[in-house]
């Protein structure tokens, strides 16, 4: 069964993925939220920790990266460039925590 995308805002389509099987569904509301609004990518953390947010274009090139120590409920903003599909990798305390695809329209 293929996952269904959900549009959170007019500019956002969000998919959830895992490392073993690819796309698995839409990011749950009680977990970390990742979304785009105009030129910004926003990550809202559900748990405290040391995070690194890395953004890759479809060619696999790192286009943005930001690190922060965050508490539950904190948000991070990362600027995105051109419209397109991006892979967002979130690392928490040195381990891959979440990978998602986002589309900036």
N, C-alpha and C. Protein backbone atom coordinates (compact mmCIF):
# COMPACT_ATOMS: atom_id res chain seq x y z
N UNK A 1 0.84 -1.17 0.00
CA UNK A 1 0.00 0.00 0.00
C UNK A 1 0.89 1.23 0.00
N UNK A 2 0.64 2.15 -0.89
CA UNK A 2 1.49 3.33 -0.96
C UNK A 2 0.97 4.40 -0.01
N UNK A 3 1.91 5.19 0.58
CA UNK A 3 1.49 6.23 1.51
C UNK A 3 0.80 7.37 0.80
N UNK A 4 -0.04 8.07 1.51
CA UNK A 4 -0.74 9.22 0.95
C UNK A 4 -0.09 10.49 1.49
N UNK A 5 0.20 11.43 0.61
CA UNK A 5 0.75 12.70 1.10
C UNK A 5 -0.33 13.53 1.75
N UNK A 6 0.07 14.41 2.64
CA UNK A 6 -0.86 15.33 3.27
C UNK A 6 -0.33 16.74 3.06
N UNK A 7 -1.17 17.63 2.61
CA UNK A 7 -0.77 19.01 2.45
C UNK A 7 -1.13 19.76 3.72
N UNK A 8 -0.10 20.24 4.45
CA UNK A 8 -0.32 20.95 5.70
C UNK A 8 -0.65 22.41 5.47
N UNK A 9 -0.03 23.00 4.48
CA UNK A 9 -0.24 24.38 4.08
C UNK A 9 -0.25 24.37 2.57
N UNK A 10 -0.60 25.46 1.92
CA UNK A 10 -0.59 25.47 0.45
C UNK A 10 0.79 25.15 -0.14
N UNK A 11 1.84 25.24 0.67
CA UNK A 11 3.20 25.07 0.17
C UNK A 11 3.83 23.75 0.56
N UNK A 12 3.10 22.87 1.23
CA UNK A 12 3.76 21.73 1.86
C UNK A 12 3.10 20.40 1.53
N UNK A 13 3.91 19.44 1.19
CA UNK A 13 3.49 18.05 1.14
C UNK A 13 4.48 17.27 1.97
N UNK A 14 4.03 16.43 2.87
CA UNK A 14 4.89 15.78 3.84
C UNK A 14 4.71 14.27 3.78
N UNK A 15 5.81 13.55 3.76
CA UNK A 15 5.81 12.10 3.80
C UNK A 15 6.69 11.67 4.96
N UNK A 16 6.39 10.54 5.56
CA UNK A 16 7.27 9.96 6.57
C UNK A 16 7.98 8.77 5.94
N UNK A 17 9.23 8.57 6.30
CA UNK A 17 9.96 7.42 5.77
C UNK A 17 10.72 6.73 6.89
N UNK A 18 11.08 5.49 6.65
CA UNK A 18 11.98 4.82 7.58
C UNK A 18 13.16 4.29 6.78
N UNK A 19 14.19 3.83 7.48
CA UNK A 19 15.43 3.46 6.81
C UNK A 19 15.34 2.12 6.09
N UNK A 20 14.36 1.30 6.41
CA UNK A 20 14.34 -0.03 5.82
C UNK A 20 13.45 -0.16 4.60
N UNK A 21 12.32 0.54 4.59
CA UNK A 21 11.38 0.29 3.50
C UNK A 21 10.96 1.55 2.75
N UNK A 22 11.56 2.69 3.03
CA UNK A 22 11.18 3.90 2.32
C UNK A 22 9.96 4.54 2.93
N UNK A 23 9.08 5.06 2.08
CA UNK A 23 7.92 5.79 2.58
C UNK A 23 6.97 4.88 3.34
N UNK A 24 6.53 5.33 4.50
CA UNK A 24 5.64 4.51 5.30
C UNK A 24 4.36 5.20 5.74
N UNK A 25 4.25 6.49 5.57
CA UNK A 25 3.03 7.17 5.99
C UNK A 25 3.31 8.62 6.31
N UNK A 26 2.33 9.26 6.84
CA UNK A 26 2.44 10.69 7.15
C UNK A 26 2.89 10.85 8.59
N UNK A 27 3.70 11.87 8.83
CA UNK A 27 4.21 12.15 10.17
C UNK A 27 3.06 12.32 11.15
N UNK A 28 3.09 11.60 12.26
CA UNK A 28 2.03 11.67 13.26
C UNK A 28 2.10 12.98 14.03
N UNK A 29 0.94 13.45 14.48
CA UNK A 29 0.86 14.75 15.14
C UNK A 29 1.59 14.77 16.48
N UNK A 30 1.68 13.62 17.18
CA UNK A 30 2.32 13.61 18.49
C UNK A 30 3.82 13.42 18.39
N UNK A 31 4.36 13.32 17.19
CA UNK A 31 5.80 13.19 16.99
C UNK A 31 6.34 14.52 16.48
N UNK A 32 7.58 14.52 16.07
CA UNK A 32 8.20 15.70 15.50
C UNK A 32 7.42 16.15 14.27
N UNK A 33 7.21 17.45 14.14
CA UNK A 33 6.53 18.01 12.97
C UNK A 33 7.54 18.71 12.08
N UNK A 34 7.46 18.45 10.79
CA UNK A 34 8.35 19.07 9.81
C UNK A 34 7.46 19.60 8.69
N UNK A 35 7.59 20.90 8.38
CA UNK A 35 6.75 21.49 7.36
C UNK A 35 7.43 22.71 6.75
N UNK A 36 6.94 23.13 5.59
CA UNK A 36 7.47 24.33 4.94
C UNK A 36 6.39 25.40 4.88
N UNK A 37 6.82 26.65 4.97
CA UNK A 37 5.96 27.81 4.78
C UNK A 37 6.81 28.81 4.00
N UNK A 38 6.34 29.19 2.84
CA UNK A 38 7.07 30.04 1.89
C UNK A 38 8.50 29.53 1.73
N UNK A 39 9.53 30.28 2.14
CA UNK A 39 10.92 29.86 1.93
C UNK A 39 11.53 29.13 3.12
N UNK A 40 10.75 28.89 4.16
CA UNK A 40 11.31 28.29 5.37
C UNK A 40 10.86 26.87 5.61
N UNK A 41 11.78 26.06 6.11
CA UNK A 41 11.49 24.72 6.59
C UNK A 41 11.45 24.82 8.10
N UNK A 42 10.40 24.32 8.72
CA UNK A 42 10.27 24.38 10.16
C UNK A 42 10.26 22.97 10.74
N UNK A 43 11.00 22.79 11.82
CA UNK A 43 11.04 21.51 12.54
C UNK A 43 10.63 21.81 13.97
N UNK A 44 9.57 21.14 14.43
CA UNK A 44 9.11 21.28 15.80
C UNK A 44 9.44 20.00 16.54
N UNK A 45 10.23 20.11 17.58
CA UNK A 45 10.75 18.94 18.29
C UNK A 45 9.78 18.47 19.37
N UNK A 46 9.57 17.16 19.44
CA UNK A 46 8.67 16.57 20.43
C UNK A 46 9.43 16.19 21.70
N UNK A 47 10.75 16.06 21.60
CA UNK A 47 11.57 15.65 22.74
C UNK A 47 12.80 16.54 22.83
N UNK A 48 13.33 16.69 24.03
CA UNK A 48 14.56 17.44 24.23
C UNK A 48 15.74 16.65 23.69
N UNK A 49 16.77 17.35 23.20
CA UNK A 49 17.97 16.68 22.72
C UNK A 49 18.84 17.62 21.91
N UNK A 50 19.99 17.09 21.49
CA UNK A 50 20.91 17.82 20.61
C UNK A 50 20.60 17.38 19.18
N UNK A 51 20.09 18.29 18.36
CA UNK A 51 19.62 17.96 17.02
C UNK A 51 20.49 18.59 15.94
N UNK A 52 20.58 17.88 14.83
CA UNK A 52 21.16 18.42 13.60
C UNK A 52 20.13 18.16 12.50
N UNK A 53 19.72 19.21 11.80
CA UNK A 53 18.78 19.10 10.70
C UNK A 53 19.56 19.32 9.41
N UNK A 54 19.59 18.31 8.54
CA UNK A 54 20.30 18.39 7.26
C UNK A 54 19.28 18.30 6.14
N UNK A 55 19.42 19.17 5.13
CA UNK A 55 18.49 19.21 4.01
C UNK A 55 19.26 18.91 2.73
N UNK A 56 18.76 17.93 1.97
CA UNK A 56 19.40 17.50 0.72
C UNK A 56 18.44 17.71 -0.44
N UNK A 57 18.98 18.11 -1.60
CA UNK A 57 18.15 18.20 -2.80
C UNK A 57 18.04 16.81 -3.43
N UNK A 58 17.31 16.70 -4.54
CA UNK A 58 17.09 15.39 -5.16
C UNK A 58 18.36 14.81 -5.77
N UNK A 59 19.39 15.63 -5.96
CA UNK A 59 20.68 15.12 -6.45
C UNK A 59 21.54 14.60 -5.31
N UNK A 60 21.04 14.70 -4.08
CA UNK A 60 21.78 14.21 -2.92
C UNK A 60 22.78 15.21 -2.36
N UNK A 61 22.73 16.45 -2.83
CA UNK A 61 23.65 17.48 -2.34
C UNK A 61 23.09 18.14 -1.09
N UNK A 62 23.95 18.33 -0.10
CA UNK A 62 23.57 19.03 1.11
C UNK A 62 23.36 20.50 0.77
N UNK A 63 22.15 21.02 1.00
CA UNK A 63 21.85 22.41 0.66
C UNK A 63 21.68 23.29 1.90
N UNK A 64 21.46 22.68 3.06
CA UNK A 64 21.34 23.44 4.31
C UNK A 64 21.56 22.49 5.48
N UNK A 65 22.10 23.05 6.56
CA UNK A 65 22.29 22.26 7.77
C UNK A 65 22.30 23.20 8.96
N UNK A 66 21.66 22.77 10.04
CA UNK A 66 21.58 23.60 11.23
C UNK A 66 21.58 22.68 12.45
N UNK A 67 22.27 23.09 13.50
CA UNK A 67 22.35 22.30 14.73
C UNK A 67 21.84 23.14 15.90
N UNK A 68 21.22 22.47 16.88
CA UNK A 68 20.75 23.17 18.07
C UNK A 68 20.44 22.17 19.18
N UNK A 69 20.61 22.63 20.41
CA UNK A 69 20.11 21.89 21.57
C UNK A 69 18.69 22.40 21.78
N UNK A 70 17.72 21.50 21.78
CA UNK A 70 16.32 21.92 21.83
C UNK A 70 15.58 21.21 22.95
N UNK A 71 14.59 21.89 23.46
CA UNK A 71 13.65 21.32 24.43
C UNK A 71 12.39 20.89 23.68
N UNK A 72 11.59 20.05 24.27
CA UNK A 72 10.32 19.64 23.67
C UNK A 72 9.48 20.89 23.39
N UNK A 73 8.94 20.96 22.17
CA UNK A 73 8.12 22.10 21.78
C UNK A 73 8.88 23.20 21.07
N UNK A 74 10.24 23.19 21.15
CA UNK A 74 11.03 24.19 20.43
C UNK A 74 10.92 23.98 18.93
N UNK A 75 11.09 25.08 18.17
CA UNK A 75 11.07 25.02 16.72
C UNK A 75 12.40 25.52 16.17
N UNK A 76 12.78 24.98 15.02
CA UNK A 76 13.97 25.42 14.29
C UNK A 76 13.52 25.79 12.89
N UNK A 77 14.08 26.87 12.34
CA UNK A 77 13.79 27.27 10.97
C UNK A 77 15.06 27.16 10.15
N UNK A 78 14.92 26.56 8.95
CA UNK A 78 16.02 26.45 8.00
C UNK A 78 15.51 27.03 6.68
N UNK A 79 16.29 27.91 6.06
CA UNK A 79 15.88 28.51 4.79
C UNK A 79 16.08 27.54 3.65
N UNK A 80 15.08 27.46 2.78
CA UNK A 80 15.16 26.64 1.58
C UNK A 80 15.33 27.55 0.37
N UNK A 81 15.95 27.03 -0.66
CA UNK A 81 16.15 27.81 -1.87
C UNK A 81 15.00 27.64 -2.84
N UNK A 82 15.27 27.00 -3.93
CA UNK A 82 14.31 26.85 -5.02
C UNK A 82 13.18 25.90 -4.66
N UNK A 83 12.11 26.02 -5.43
CA UNK A 83 11.01 25.05 -5.31
C UNK A 83 11.52 23.67 -5.68
N UNK A 84 10.96 22.65 -5.07
CA UNK A 84 11.35 21.29 -5.40
C UNK A 84 11.16 20.35 -4.24
N UNK A 85 11.67 19.14 -4.41
CA UNK A 85 11.59 18.09 -3.40
C UNK A 85 12.91 18.05 -2.64
N UNK A 86 12.82 17.95 -1.34
CA UNK A 86 13.99 17.89 -0.48
C UNK A 86 13.85 16.70 0.47
N UNK A 87 14.98 16.14 0.86
CA UNK A 87 15.01 15.12 1.90
C UNK A 87 15.57 15.80 3.14
N UNK A 88 14.83 15.70 4.23
CA UNK A 88 15.24 16.30 5.50
C UNK A 88 15.63 15.17 6.44
N UNK A 89 16.87 15.20 6.89
CA UNK A 89 17.38 14.18 7.82
C UNK A 89 17.59 14.86 9.16
N UNK A 90 16.97 14.32 10.19
CA UNK A 90 17.10 14.86 11.53
C UNK A 90 17.89 13.87 12.37
N UNK A 91 18.99 14.35 12.94
CA UNK A 91 19.83 13.54 13.81
C UNK A 91 19.64 14.04 15.24
N UNK A 92 19.42 13.11 16.15
CA UNK A 92 19.25 13.47 17.57
C UNK A 92 20.31 12.74 18.38
N UNK A 93 21.09 13.51 19.12
CA UNK A 93 22.14 12.96 19.97
C UNK A 93 23.06 12.01 19.20
N UNK A 94 23.38 12.37 17.94
CA UNK A 94 24.33 11.62 17.13
C UNK A 94 23.76 10.45 16.34
N UNK A 95 22.47 10.18 16.45
CA UNK A 95 21.85 9.08 15.72
C UNK A 95 20.71 9.59 14.85
N UNK A 96 20.53 8.96 13.68
CA UNK A 96 19.44 9.36 12.80
C UNK A 96 18.12 9.14 13.51
N UNK A 97 17.35 10.22 13.62
CA UNK A 97 16.09 10.19 14.36
C UNK A 97 14.90 10.10 13.41
N UNK A 98 14.97 10.85 12.30
CA UNK A 98 13.86 10.87 11.35
C UNK A 98 14.37 11.34 10.00
N UNK A 99 13.82 10.78 8.93
CA UNK A 99 14.08 11.26 7.57
C UNK A 99 12.73 11.42 6.88
N UNK A 100 12.52 12.58 6.29
CA UNK A 100 11.27 12.84 5.60
C UNK A 100 11.54 13.55 4.28
N UNK A 101 10.60 13.44 3.36
CA UNK A 101 10.65 14.20 2.11
C UNK A 101 9.65 15.32 2.23
N UNK A 102 10.06 16.52 1.81
CA UNK A 102 9.15 17.66 1.77
C UNK A 102 9.19 18.26 0.38
N UNK A 103 8.10 18.87 0.00
CA UNK A 103 8.02 19.54 -1.32
C UNK A 103 7.75 21.01 -1.07
N UNK A 104 8.60 21.85 -1.61
CA UNK A 104 8.38 23.29 -1.57
C UNK A 104 7.82 23.70 -2.91
N UNK A 105 6.61 24.28 -2.90
CA UNK A 105 5.94 24.69 -4.13
C UNK A 105 6.07 26.19 -4.32
